[in-house]
Amino acid sequence: MGILKNLRLRSKLNRALELERQGRIPQARAAFEDLIRAHPEHADGWFHLARVCFELRDTYRADECYHEALQRAPGKRGCYSRHDQ
C-alpha cells in the first residue's frame, strides 16, 4: 500500500474511532462506511462497522460486516470477539 493511501486510511480510521469513542454512533457508522468504501480490504474497518451497526440495533448489517471482516482476515477470528456476545 502506498504511503499516501496508508495515511488516508489511518486518517479515516482515526476519525471514525474518535466519533465512536465520543458516543456519536450514527456519525461513526457513516465514517466507517466511508472507510470501507475507500478501503474494502480493511478487515478492522469492517469489524468496527459491525460493532456500531450492532449498537444501532441494525443486526442484519452488523452480521454482514462481521462476516466481511472474517473473510478478509480469517486469521483474526480469535481477535474479533463476536459482536452479539
Protein backbone atom coordinates (compact mmCIF):
# COMPACT_ATOMS: atom_id res chain seq x y z
CA MET A 1 0.00 0.00 0.00
CA GLY A 2 1.35 3.41 -0.91
CA ILE A 3 2.29 5.87 1.79
CA LEU A 4 -0.40 8.37 0.78
CA LYS A 5 -3.10 5.69 0.67
CA ASN A 6 -1.98 4.41 4.07
CA LEU A 7 -2.15 7.93 5.53
CA ARG A 8 -5.67 8.41 4.16
CA LEU A 9 -6.75 5.09 5.62
CA ARG A 10 -5.28 5.98 9.03
CA SER A 11 -6.97 9.37 8.95
CA LYS A 12 -10.38 7.86 8.13
CA LEU A 13 -9.95 5.14 10.75
CA ASN A 14 -8.88 7.58 13.48
CA ARG A 15 -11.82 9.89 12.69
CA ALA A 16 -14.32 7.03 12.84
CA LEU A 17 -12.84 5.65 16.08
CA GLU A 18 -12.93 9.09 17.69
CA LEU A 19 -16.61 9.52 16.78
CA GLU A 20 -17.33 6.09 18.25
CA ARG A 21 -15.39 6.95 21.41
CA GLN A 22 -17.40 10.16 21.76
CA GLY A 23 -20.64 8.16 21.57
CA ARG A 24 -21.59 9.73 18.25
CA ILE A 25 -22.60 6.35 16.90
CA PRO A 26 -24.62 7.37 13.79
CA GLN A 27 -21.73 9.60 12.70
CA ALA A 28 -19.25 6.83 13.47
CA ARG A 29 -21.29 4.46 11.31
CA ALA A 30 -21.17 6.90 8.41
CA ALA A 31 -17.41 7.33 8.89
CA PHE A 32 -16.79 3.55 8.96
CA GLU A 33 -18.99 3.12 5.86
CA ASP A 34 -16.84 5.77 4.16
CA LEU A 35 -13.69 3.94 5.27
CA ILE A 36 -14.73 0.58 3.82
CA ARG A 37 -15.97 2.19 0.62
CA ALA A 38 -12.49 3.62 0.11
CA HIS A 39 -10.63 0.59 1.56
CA PRO A 40 -12.83 -2.52 1.22
CA GLU A 41 -9.87 -4.76 2.06
CA HIS A 42 -9.58 -3.28 5.57
CA ALA A 43 -10.83 -6.03 7.89
CA ASP A 44 -10.67 -3.90 11.04
CA GLY A 45 -12.86 -1.28 9.37
CA TRP A 46 -15.48 -3.96 8.67
CA PHE A 47 -15.27 -5.18 12.26
CA HIS A 48 -15.72 -1.71 13.75
CA LEU A 49 -18.61 -1.06 11.38
CA ALA A 50 -20.19 -4.29 12.63
CA ARG A 51 -19.88 -3.06 16.22
CA VAL A 52 -21.53 0.30 15.59
CA CYS A 53 -24.29 -1.28 13.49
CA PHE A 54 -24.95 -3.71 16.33
CA GLU A 55 -25.08 -0.80 18.78
CA LEU A 56 -27.62 0.89 16.50
CA ARG A 57 -29.62 -2.35 16.52
CA ASP A 58 -29.07 -2.96 12.81
CA THR A 59 -28.23 -6.59 13.44
CA TYR A 60 -28.58 -7.64 9.81
CA ARG A 61 -25.93 -5.14 8.66
CA ALA A 62 -23.80 -5.91 11.73
CA ASP A 63 -23.78 -9.60 10.83
CA GLU A 64 -22.89 -8.82 7.20
CA CYS A 65 -19.98 -6.64 8.29
CA TYR A 66 -18.74 -9.17 10.84
CA HIS A 67 -18.62 -11.84 8.13
CA GLU A 68 -16.84 -9.46 5.75
CA ALA A 69 -14.19 -8.85 8.42
CA LEU A 70 -13.66 -12.57 8.89
CA GLN A 71 -13.45 -13.18 5.14
CA ARG A 72 -10.75 -10.53 4.83
CA ALA A 73 -8.76 -11.69 7.86
CA PRO A 74 -9.65 -15.29 8.74
CA GLY A 75 -6.60 -15.50 10.99
CA LYS A 76 -8.09 -12.82 13.26
CA ARG A 77 -11.13 -14.91 14.21
CA GLY A 78 -9.92 -15.03 17.83
CA CYS A 79 -9.30 -11.26 17.87
CA TYR A 80 -12.79 -10.42 16.67
CA SER A 81 -14.99 -11.31 19.58
CA ARG A 82 -18.49 -11.96 18.32
CA HIS A 83 -20.37 -8.65 18.41
CA ASP A 84 -23.52 -10.16 19.90
CA GLN A 85 -21.93 -11.96 22.86
